[in-house]
Amino acid sequence: MGRKPKLYVPLTVTFFEDDRIIEAGDAATLLYLAMCLRCKVMGTDGRLQEIQISRLNRSRWKAELTKLASLGLVVRDEVTREWCISAWFAHNDSLAEIDERRAADRARKAADSRRNPNGNATDSALKEKKGKGREGTEGNPRTALHRFEHDGDGNCEVCQLPFDSQYHMRSVTA
């Protein structure tokens, strides 16, 4: 199983030049960014309940949220009683789109793990074959970490560098 991918919130370099962000001020902008981050972590498609917003470590969050709402940066969904980030889908895919893409990727990888019907080896099989029989031959011995082999003159036979070179492994003998 692969490692969990890192999450990122897309932010344009002109974010702080947006007129509504300027008018919101620093405090409300910080709440807005904290809301974006929380939505991404929770996977909520840009929606948060007030209880979740209250936990964003902002003492004046209600006033800041009111300011964001007056500028149209967030909108209240009266049916679900959630606050929605207005521009969420302008910069983020929906959870349904992400799930579809992941399912298609899993299917593609499953198909790639078997031999192609036309008899050609898959990309992964070619990568495996390319590396076979090459153990210990990759890299420049002068810049690869290796054991010091004394040449009789105080240098290493492999790299011709002195014993205290950073490329030599230090071993402790009992």
N, C-alpha and C. Protein backbone atom coordinates (compact mmCIF):
# COMPACT_ATOMS: atom_id res chain seq x y z
N MET A 1 0.84 -1.17 0.00
CA MET A 1 0.00 0.00 0.00
C MET A 1 0.89 1.23 0.00
N GLY A 2 0.55 2.23 -0.80
CA GLY A 2 1.36 3.42 -0.93
C GLY A 2 1.20 4.36 0.25
N ARG A 3 2.04 5.36 0.25
CA ARG A 3 1.96 6.33 1.34
C ARG A 3 0.83 7.32 1.07
N LYS A 4 0.35 7.93 2.13
CA LYS A 4 -0.75 8.88 2.01
C LYS A 4 -0.23 10.17 1.38
N PRO A 5 -0.89 10.66 0.34
CA PRO A 5 -0.42 11.87 -0.32
C PRO A 5 -0.60 13.09 0.59
N LYS A 6 0.25 14.07 0.44
CA LYS A 6 0.12 15.31 1.19
C LYS A 6 -0.99 16.14 0.58
N LEU A 7 -1.64 16.90 1.43
CA LEU A 7 -2.71 17.77 0.97
C LEU A 7 -2.20 19.20 0.83
N TYR A 8 -2.70 19.88 -0.17
CA TYR A 8 -2.34 21.27 -0.41
C TYR A 8 -3.60 22.06 -0.70
N VAL A 9 -3.59 23.32 -0.33
CA VAL A 9 -4.68 24.22 -0.68
C VAL A 9 -4.14 25.16 -1.74
N PRO A 10 -4.72 25.15 -2.95
CA PRO A 10 -4.24 26.06 -4.00
C PRO A 10 -4.47 27.52 -3.60
N LEU A 11 -3.46 28.32 -3.76
CA LEU A 11 -3.54 29.73 -3.42
C LEU A 11 -2.81 30.50 -4.51
N THR A 12 -3.53 31.41 -5.16
CA THR A 12 -2.90 32.18 -6.23
C THR A 12 -1.96 33.21 -5.64
N VAL A 13 -0.95 33.57 -6.39
CA VAL A 13 0.03 34.54 -5.90
C VAL A 13 -0.59 35.93 -5.77
N THR A 14 -1.75 36.15 -6.36
CA THR A 14 -2.43 37.45 -6.26
C THR A 14 -3.51 37.43 -5.18
N PHE A 15 -3.49 36.43 -4.32
CA PHE A 15 -4.52 36.29 -3.28
C PHE A 15 -4.67 37.58 -2.46
N PHE A 16 -3.57 38.13 -2.00
CA PHE A 16 -3.64 39.31 -1.14
C PHE A 16 -3.93 40.60 -1.91
N GLU A 17 -4.00 40.53 -3.23
CA GLU A 17 -4.35 41.69 -4.04
C GLU A 17 -5.84 41.74 -4.35
N ASP A 18 -6.58 40.71 -4.00
CA ASP A 18 -8.02 40.66 -4.22
C ASP A 18 -8.69 41.76 -3.38
N ASP A 19 -9.55 42.54 -4.01
CA ASP A 19 -10.20 43.66 -3.31
C ASP A 19 -10.97 43.21 -2.07
N ARG A 20 -11.64 42.06 -2.16
CA ARG A 20 -12.42 41.60 -1.01
C ARG A 20 -11.50 41.16 0.13
N ILE A 21 -10.36 40.57 -0.18
CA ILE A 21 -9.40 40.17 0.85
C ILE A 21 -8.81 41.41 1.52
N ILE A 22 -8.50 42.41 0.73
CA ILE A 22 -7.97 43.66 1.28
C ILE A 22 -8.99 44.28 2.23
N GLU A 23 -10.24 44.33 1.79
CA GLU A 23 -11.30 44.91 2.62
C GLU A 23 -11.57 44.08 3.87
N ALA A 24 -11.41 42.78 3.78
CA ALA A 24 -11.65 41.91 4.94
C ALA A 24 -10.68 42.20 6.07
N GLY A 25 -9.45 42.56 5.73
CA GLY A 25 -8.45 42.84 6.75
C GLY A 25 -7.72 41.57 7.16
N ASP A 26 -6.67 41.75 7.94
CA ASP A 26 -5.78 40.65 8.31
C ASP A 26 -6.48 39.56 9.13
N ALA A 27 -7.26 39.96 10.12
CA ALA A 27 -7.87 38.98 11.02
C ALA A 27 -8.86 38.09 10.28
N ALA A 28 -9.75 38.68 9.52
CA ALA A 28 -10.74 37.89 8.78
C ALA A 28 -10.06 37.06 7.69
N THR A 29 -9.01 37.59 7.07
CA THR A 29 -8.27 36.83 6.07
C THR A 29 -7.62 35.61 6.69
N LEU A 30 -7.08 35.75 7.88
CA LEU A 30 -6.49 34.61 8.57
C LEU A 30 -7.55 33.55 8.87
N LEU A 31 -8.73 33.97 9.28
CA LEU A 31 -9.82 33.01 9.49
C LEU A 31 -10.17 32.31 8.19
N TYR A 32 -10.25 33.07 7.11
CA TYR A 32 -10.58 32.50 5.80
C TYR A 32 -9.56 31.42 5.40
N LEU A 33 -8.27 31.73 5.56
CA LEU A 33 -7.23 30.75 5.23
C LEU A 33 -7.31 29.53 6.15
N ALA A 34 -7.57 29.75 7.43
CA ALA A 34 -7.71 28.63 8.37
C ALA A 34 -8.91 27.76 7.99
N MET A 35 -9.97 28.38 7.53
CA MET A 35 -11.15 27.62 7.08
C MET A 35 -10.80 26.78 5.84
N CYS A 36 -10.07 27.37 4.93
CA CYS A 36 -9.66 26.63 3.72
C CYS A 36 -8.83 25.41 4.09
N LEU A 37 -7.88 25.60 4.99
CA LEU A 37 -7.04 24.48 5.42
C LEU A 37 -7.85 23.40 6.12
N ARG A 38 -8.76 23.81 7.00
CA ARG A 38 -9.59 22.83 7.71
C ARG A 38 -10.48 22.06 6.74
N CYS A 39 -11.05 22.74 5.76
CA CYS A 39 -11.89 22.07 4.76
C CYS A 39 -11.10 21.02 4.00
N LYS A 40 -9.87 21.34 3.64
CA LYS A 40 -9.04 20.40 2.89
C LYS A 40 -8.71 19.19 3.74
N VAL A 41 -8.33 19.41 5.00
CA VAL A 41 -7.98 18.31 5.90
C VAL A 41 -9.19 17.40 6.13
N MET A 42 -10.34 18.00 6.33
CA MET A 42 -11.54 17.22 6.65
C MET A 42 -12.22 16.66 5.40
N GLY A 43 -11.85 17.17 4.23
CA GLY A 43 -12.47 16.69 3.00
C GLY A 43 -13.95 17.05 2.92
N THR A 44 -14.27 18.32 3.14
CA THR A 44 -15.67 18.74 3.23
C THR A 44 -16.18 19.50 2.02
N ASP A 45 -15.41 19.54 0.95
CA ASP A 45 -15.81 20.31 -0.24
C ASP A 45 -16.09 21.77 0.09
N GLY A 46 -15.29 22.35 0.94
CA GLY A 46 -15.41 23.77 1.24
C GLY A 46 -16.50 24.15 2.20
N ARG A 47 -16.96 23.20 3.01
CA ARG A 47 -18.06 23.46 3.95
C ARG A 47 -17.63 23.16 5.38
N LEU A 48 -18.02 24.04 6.30
CA LEU A 48 -17.74 23.84 7.71
C LEU A 48 -18.94 24.23 8.55
N GLN A 49 -19.15 23.52 9.63
CA GLN A 49 -20.17 23.91 10.60
C GLN A 49 -19.57 24.94 11.54
N GLU A 50 -20.43 25.71 12.21
CA GLU A 50 -19.93 26.75 13.11
C GLU A 50 -19.07 26.18 14.22
N ILE A 51 -19.40 25.02 14.73
CA ILE A 51 -18.61 24.42 15.80
C ILE A 51 -17.18 24.14 15.32
N GLN A 52 -17.04 23.76 14.06
CA GLN A 52 -15.71 23.52 13.49
C GLN A 52 -14.95 24.83 13.32
N ILE A 53 -15.66 25.88 12.92
CA ILE A 53 -15.02 27.20 12.76
C ILE A 53 -14.59 27.74 14.12
N SER A 54 -15.39 27.49 15.15
CA SER A 54 -15.06 27.99 16.48
C SER A 54 -13.79 27.37 17.03
N ARG A 55 -13.38 26.22 16.49
CA ARG A 55 -12.18 25.53 16.96
C ARG A 55 -10.92 25.89 16.17
N LEU A 56 -10.98 26.94 15.39
CA LEU A 56 -9.83 27.35 14.58
C LEU A 56 -8.91 28.32 15.30
N ASN A 57 -9.03 28.42 16.61
CA ASN A 57 -8.13 29.22 17.44
C ASN A 57 -8.20 30.71 17.09
N ARG A 58 -9.41 31.21 16.86
CA ARG A 58 -9.64 32.62 16.57
C ARG A 58 -10.62 33.14 17.61
N SER A 59 -10.19 33.99 18.51
CA SER A 59 -11.05 34.46 19.60
C SER A 59 -12.23 35.30 19.09
N ARG A 60 -12.05 36.02 18.00
CA ARG A 60 -13.13 36.86 17.46
C ARG A 60 -13.70 36.27 16.17
N TRP A 61 -13.79 34.95 16.11
CA TRP A 61 -14.19 34.29 14.88
C TRP A 61 -15.56 34.69 14.40
N LYS A 62 -16.52 34.99 15.30
CA LYS A 62 -17.87 35.35 14.86
C LYS A 62 -17.85 36.67 14.10
N ALA A 63 -17.14 37.67 14.61
CA ALA A 63 -17.06 38.96 13.92
C ALA A 63 -16.31 38.81 12.59
N GLU A 64 -15.24 38.01 12.60
CA GLU A 64 -14.47 37.79 11.37
C GLU A 64 -15.30 37.06 10.33
N LEU A 65 -16.09 36.07 10.78
CA LEU A 65 -16.96 35.31 9.88
C LEU A 65 -18.04 36.21 9.29
N THR A 66 -18.58 37.10 10.10
CA THR A 66 -19.58 38.06 9.62
C THR A 66 -18.99 38.96 8.55
N LYS A 67 -17.76 39.39 8.75
CA LYS A 67 -17.08 40.24 7.76
C LYS A 67 -16.88 39.47 6.45
N LEU A 68 -16.44 38.21 6.55
CA LEU A 68 -16.25 37.39 5.34
C LEU A 68 -17.58 37.20 4.61
N ALA A 69 -18.66 36.99 5.36
CA ALA A 69 -19.98 36.79 4.75
C ALA A 69 -20.47 38.07 4.08
N SER A 70 -20.22 39.22 4.69
CA SER A 70 -20.67 40.49 4.09
C SER A 70 -19.95 40.78 2.77
N LEU A 71 -18.75 40.22 2.62
CA LEU A 71 -17.99 40.42 1.39
C LEU A 71 -18.23 39.31 0.36
N GLY A 72 -19.02 38.30 0.73
CA GLY A 72 -19.33 37.21 -0.19
C GLY A 72 -18.23 36.16 -0.29
N LEU A 73 -17.26 36.19 0.61
CA LEU A 73 -16.20 35.19 0.58
C LEU A 73 -16.68 33.85 1.13
N VAL A 74 -17.64 33.90 2.04
CA VAL A 74 -18.29 32.69 2.55
C VAL A 74 -19.79 32.91 2.49
N VAL A 75 -20.53 31.81 2.35
CA VAL A 75 -21.98 31.87 2.24
C VAL A 75 -22.58 30.85 3.19
N ARG A 76 -23.66 31.22 3.84
CA ARG A 76 -24.32 30.31 4.78
C ARG A 76 -25.35 29.47 4.03
N ASP A 77 -25.26 28.15 4.16
CA ASP A 77 -26.26 27.24 3.61
C ASP A 77 -27.27 27.00 4.72
N GLU A 78 -28.45 27.59 4.59
CA GLU A 78 -29.45 27.51 5.65
C GLU A 78 -30.05 26.12 5.80
N VAL A 79 -29.98 25.29 4.76
CA VAL A 79 -30.52 23.94 4.85
C VAL A 79 -29.61 23.06 5.71
N THR A 80 -28.33 23.06 5.41
CA THR A 80 -27.39 22.21 6.15
C THR A 80 -26.78 22.94 7.35
N ARG A 81 -27.02 24.26 7.45
CA ARG A 81 -26.47 25.10 8.52
C ARG A 81 -24.94 25.09 8.52
N GLU A 82 -24.37 25.06 7.32
CA GLU A 82 -22.91 25.08 7.15
C GLU A 82 -22.50 26.39 6.48
N TRP A 83 -21.24 26.76 6.70
CA TRP A 83 -20.65 27.88 6.00
C TRP A 83 -19.83 27.33 4.84
N CYS A 84 -20.05 27.89 3.66
CA CYS A 84 -19.39 27.41 2.44
C CYS A 84 -18.43 28.48 1.93
N ILE A 85 -17.25 28.05 1.55
CA ILE A 85 -16.26 28.96 0.95
C ILE A 85 -16.66 29.14 -0.51
N SER A 86 -16.99 30.37 -0.86
CA SER A 86 -17.56 30.66 -2.18
C SER A 86 -16.70 30.20 -3.35
N ALA A 87 -15.42 30.41 -3.28
CA ALA A 87 -14.53 30.11 -4.40
C ALA A 87 -13.91 28.72 -4.32
N TRP A 88 -14.43 27.85 -3.49
CA TRP A 88 -13.81 26.54 -3.27
C TRP A 88 -13.63 25.76 -4.56
N PHE A 89 -14.69 25.66 -5.36
CA PHE A 89 -14.63 24.83 -6.57
C PHE A 89 -13.93 25.52 -7.73
N ALA A 90 -13.58 26.79 -7.57
CA ALA A 90 -12.78 27.45 -8.60
C ALA A 90 -11.33 26.97 -8.53
N HIS A 91 -10.93 26.43 -7.36
CA HIS A 91 -9.54 26.04 -7.18
C HIS A 91 -9.36 24.60 -6.70
N ASN A 92 -10.45 23.92 -6.36
CA ASN A 92 -10.37 22.56 -5.82
C ASN A 92 -11.37 21.65 -6.55
N ASP A 93 -10.97 20.42 -6.78
CA ASP A 93 -11.88 19.43 -7.33
C ASP A 93 -12.83 18.95 -6.24
N SER A 94 -14.01 18.53 -6.63
CA SER A 94 -14.95 17.99 -5.65
C SER A 94 -14.48 16.62 -5.19
N LEU A 95 -14.96 16.17 -4.06
CA LEU A 95 -14.59 14.85 -3.55
C LEU A 95 -15.01 13.75 -4.53
N ALA A 96 -16.15 13.93 -5.19
CA ALA A 96 -16.62 12.94 -6.17
C ALA A 96 -15.65 12.85 -7.34
N GLU A 97 -15.14 13.99 -7.83
CA GLU A 97 -14.17 13.98 -8.93
C GLU A 97 -12.87 13.31 -8.50
N ILE A 98 -12.44 13.58 -7.28
CA ILE A 98 -11.21 12.97 -6.78
C ILE A 98 -11.37 11.47 -6.67
N ASP A 99 -12.52 11.01 -6.16
CA ASP A 99 -12.78 9.58 -6.03
C ASP A 99 -12.81 8.90 -7.40
N GLU A 100 -13.43 9.54 -8.39
CA GLU A 100 -13.47 8.98 -9.75
C GLU A 100 -12.07 8.86 -10.34
N ARG A 101 -11.27 9.90 -10.16
CA ARG A 101 -9.90 9.89 -10.68
C ARG A 101 -9.07 8.80 -10.01
N ARG A 102 -9.23 8.63 -8.71
CA ARG A 102 -8.49 7.60 -8.00
C ARG A 102 -8.92 6.20 -8.45
N ALA A 103 -10.22 6.00 -8.67
CA ALA A 103 -10.70 4.70 -9.13
C ALA A 103 -10.14 4.39 -10.52
N ALA A 104 -10.13 5.38 -11.40
CA ALA A 104 -9.58 5.18 -12.74
C ALA A 104 -8.08 4.89 -12.66
N ASP A 105 -7.38 5.55 -11.76
CA ASP A 105 -5.95 5.33 -11.59
C ASP A 105 -5.68 3.92 -11.07
N ARG A 106 -6.49 3.46 -10.11
CA ARG A 106 -6.34 2.09 -9.60
C ARG A 106 -6.58 1.07 -10.71
N ALA A 107 -7.59 1.31 -11.53
CA ALA A 107 -7.89 0.39 -12.62
C ALA A 107 -6.74 0.36 -13.64
N ARG A 108 -6.19 1.54 -13.93
CA ARG A 108 -5.08 1.61 -14.88
C ARG A 108 -3.87 0.86 -14.33
N LYS A 109 -3.58 1.04 -13.06
CA LYS A 109 -2.43 0.38 -12.45
C LYS A 109 -2.64 -1.13 -12.39
N ALA A 110 -3.87 -1.57 -12.14
CA ALA A 110 -4.16 -3.00 -12.12
C ALA A 110 -3.95 -3.60 -13.50
N ALA A 111 -4.37 -2.89 -14.54
CA ALA A 111 -4.20 -3.37 -15.90
C ALA A 111 -2.72 -3.36 -16.29
N ASP A 112 -1.97 -2.39 -15.80
CA ASP A 112 -0.55 -2.27 -16.13
C ASP A 112 0.28 -3.35 -15.43
N SER A 113 -0.24 -3.89 -14.35
CA SER A 113 0.54 -4.89 -13.62
C SER A 113 0.55 -6.24 -14.32
N ARG A 114 -0.32 -6.43 -15.28
CA ARG A 114 -0.32 -7.66 -16.08
C ARG A 114 0.32 -7.37 -17.43
N ARG A 115 0.68 -8.41 -18.14
CA ARG A 115 1.26 -8.24 -19.47
C ARG A 115 0.22 -7.66 -20.42
N ASN A 116 0.63 -6.72 -21.24
CA ASN A 116 -0.27 -6.13 -22.22
C ASN A 116 -0.71 -7.19 -23.22
N PRO A 117 -1.93 -7.09 -23.77
CA PRO A 117 -2.42 -8.11 -24.71
C PRO A 117 -1.60 -8.22 -25.99
N ASN A 118 -0.88 -7.17 -26.39
CA ASN A 118 -0.11 -7.25 -27.63
C ASN A 118 1.26 -7.90 -27.42
N GLY A 119 1.55 -8.36 -26.20
CA GLY A 119 2.79 -9.09 -25.95
C GLY A 119 3.94 -8.23 -25.47
N ASN A 120 3.78 -6.91 -25.43
CA ASN A 120 4.84 -6.05 -24.94
C ASN A 120 4.86 -6.05 -23.42
N ALA A 121 6.02 -5.95 -22.87
CA ALA A 121 6.14 -5.88 -21.43
C ALA A 121 5.62 -4.54 -20.93
N THR A 122 5.07 -4.52 -19.73
CA THR A 122 4.57 -3.28 -19.15
C THR A 122 5.74 -2.39 -18.75
N ASP A 123 5.42 -1.13 -18.49
CA ASP A 123 6.46 -0.18 -18.06
C ASP A 123 7.14 -0.66 -16.79
N SER A 124 6.35 -1.18 -15.84
CA SER A 124 6.93 -1.62 -14.58
C SER A 124 7.84 -2.83 -14.79
N ALA A 125 7.48 -3.71 -15.70
CA ALA A 125 8.32 -4.87 -15.98
C ALA A 125 9.63 -4.44 -16.65
N LEU A 126 9.56 -3.46 -17.53
CA LEU A 126 10.77 -2.96 -18.18
C LEU A 126 11.72 -2.32 -17.17
N LYS A 127 11.19 -1.61 -16.21
CA LYS A 127 12.03 -0.99 -15.19
C LYS A 127 12.73 -2.05 -14.35
N GLU A 128 12.02 -3.13 -14.02
CA GLU A 128 12.63 -4.22 -13.25
C GLU A 128 13.79 -4.84 -14.02
N LYS A 129 13.56 -5.14 -15.30
CA LYS A 129 14.57 -5.79 -16.13
C LYS A 129 15.80 -4.91 -16.29
N LYS A 130 15.60 -3.62 -16.44
CA LYS A 130 16.69 -2.68 -16.65
C LYS A 130 17.68 -2.69 -15.48
N GLY A 131 17.18 -2.88 -14.26
CA GLY A 131 18.04 -2.83 -13.09
C GLY A 131 18.72 -4.14 -12.75
N LYS A 132 18.30 -5.26 -13.33
CA LYS A 132 18.86 -6.57 -12.99
C LYS A 132 20.30 -6.69 -13.46
N GLY A 133 21.14 -7.30 -12.62
CA GLY A 133 22.53 -7.57 -12.99
C GLY A 133 23.44 -6.36 -12.93
N ARG A 134 22.92 -5.25 -12.39
CA ARG A 134 23.74 -4.04 -12.34
C ARG A 134 24.11 -3.67 -10.91
N GLU A 135 23.86 -4.56 -9.97
CA GLU A 135 24.14 -4.26 -8.58
C GLU A 135 25.61 -3.90 -8.40
N GLY A 136 25.87 -2.84 -7.70
CA GLY A 136 27.24 -2.45 -7.38
C GLY A 136 27.97 -1.74 -8.49
N THR A 137 27.34 -1.52 -9.65
CA THR A 137 28.05 -0.88 -10.75
C THR A 137 27.60 0.55 -10.98
N GLU A 138 26.58 0.99 -10.25
CA GLU A 138 26.09 2.34 -10.48
C GLU A 138 26.86 3.35 -9.64
N GLY A 139 26.98 4.55 -10.15
CA GLY A 139 27.59 5.64 -9.42
C GLY A 139 29.10 5.71 -9.60
N ASN A 140 29.63 6.85 -9.34
CA ASN A 140 31.05 7.09 -9.41
C ASN A 140 31.68 6.66 -8.09
N PRO A 141 32.66 5.74 -8.10
CA PRO A 141 33.25 5.29 -6.83
C PRO A 141 33.90 6.42 -6.04
N ARG A 142 34.32 7.48 -6.72
CA ARG A 142 34.91 8.61 -5.98
C ARG A 142 33.87 9.34 -5.16
N THR A 143 32.61 9.33 -5.58
CA THR A 143 31.58 10.08 -4.86
C THR A 143 30.53 9.19 -4.21
N ALA A 144 30.71 7.88 -4.25
CA ALA A 144 29.78 6.97 -3.60
C ALA A 144 30.38 6.54 -2.26
N LEU A 145 29.55 6.38 -1.26
CA LEU A 145 30.02 5.93 0.04
C LEU A 145 30.56 4.50 -0.08
N HIS A 146 31.77 4.29 0.40
CA HIS A 146 32.38 2.97 0.30
C HIS A 146 33.38 2.77 1.45
N ARG A 147 33.81 1.52 1.63
CA ARG A 147 34.78 1.20 2.67
C ARG A 147 36.18 1.59 2.22
N PHE A 148 36.97 2.17 3.12
CA PHE A 148 38.34 2.58 2.81
C PHE A 148 39.21 1.36 2.55
N GLU A 149 39.89 1.36 1.42
CA GLU A 149 40.83 0.30 1.05
C GLU A 149 42.21 0.94 0.97
N HIS A 150 43.10 0.64 1.91
CA HIS A 150 44.42 1.28 2.00
C HIS A 150 45.29 0.88 0.80
N ASP A 151 45.91 1.88 0.17
CA ASP A 151 46.78 1.59 -0.99
C ASP A 151 48.26 1.55 -0.62
N GLY A 152 48.58 1.71 0.67
CA GLY A 152 49.98 1.69 1.11
C GLY A 152 50.57 3.07 1.25
N ASP A 153 49.99 4.07 0.60
CA ASP A 153 50.49 5.45 0.68
C ASP A 153 49.57 6.35 1.51
N GLY A 154 48.61 5.77 2.20
CA GLY A 154 47.69 6.56 3.02
C GLY A 154 46.42 6.98 2.30
N ASN A 155 46.28 6.55 1.06
CA ASN A 155 45.07 6.89 0.31
C ASN A 155 44.26 5.63 0.06
N CYS A 156 43.06 5.82 -0.46
CA CYS A 156 42.17 4.71 -0.75
C CYS A 156 42.45 4.19 -2.17
N GLU A 157 42.49 2.87 -2.32
CA GLU A 157 42.68 2.27 -3.65
C GLU A 157 41.51 2.56 -4.57
N VAL A 158 40.31 2.69 -4.02
CA VAL A 158 39.10 2.87 -4.84
C VAL A 158 39.01 4.29 -5.39
N CYS A 159 39.20 5.27 -4.50
CA CYS A 159 38.96 6.65 -4.93
C CYS A 159 40.19 7.55 -4.88
N GLN A 160 41.30 7.05 -4.37
CA GLN A 160 42.54 7.79 -4.24
C GLN A 160 42.41 9.02 -3.31
N LEU A 161 41.43 9.00 -2.42
CA LEU A 161 41.26 10.09 -1.45
C LEU A 161 41.81 9.63 -0.11
N PRO A 162 42.19 10.58 0.77
CA PRO A 162 42.70 10.20 2.09
C PRO A 162 41.62 9.54 2.94
N PHE A 163 42.06 8.88 4.01
CA PHE A 163 41.18 8.11 4.89
C PHE A 163 40.01 8.94 5.42
N ASP A 164 40.23 10.22 5.77
CA ASP A 164 39.17 11.02 6.40
C ASP A 164 38.18 11.63 5.42
N SER A 165 38.17 11.17 4.19
CA SER A 165 37.22 11.66 3.20
C SER A 165 35.78 11.32 3.63
N GLN A 166 34.85 12.18 3.27
CA GLN A 166 33.44 11.96 3.60
C GLN A 166 32.84 10.75 2.90
N TYR A 167 33.50 10.24 1.91
CA TYR A 167 32.97 9.10 1.15
C TYR A 167 33.37 7.75 1.74
N HIS A 168 34.14 7.76 2.82
CA HIS A 168 34.56 6.51 3.42
C HIS A 168 33.71 6.17 4.64
N MET A 169 33.24 4.92 4.67
CA MET A 169 32.49 4.45 5.83
C MET A 169 33.46 4.24 6.98
N ARG A 170 33.02 4.59 8.16
CA ARG A 170 33.82 4.34 9.35
C ARG A 170 33.28 3.10 10.03
N SER A 171 34.11 2.15 10.27
CA SER A 171 33.66 0.94 10.96
C SER A 171 34.39 0.82 12.29
N VAL A 172 33.67 0.34 13.27
CA VAL A 172 34.23 0.18 14.61
C VAL A 172 34.47 -1.29 14.83
N THR A 173 35.67 -1.62 15.22
CA THR A 173 35.99 -3.03 15.50
C THR A 173 36.15 -3.21 17.00
N ALA A 174 35.73 -4.37 17.47
CA ALA A 174 35.78 -4.63 18.92
C ALA A 174 37.11 -5.16 19.34
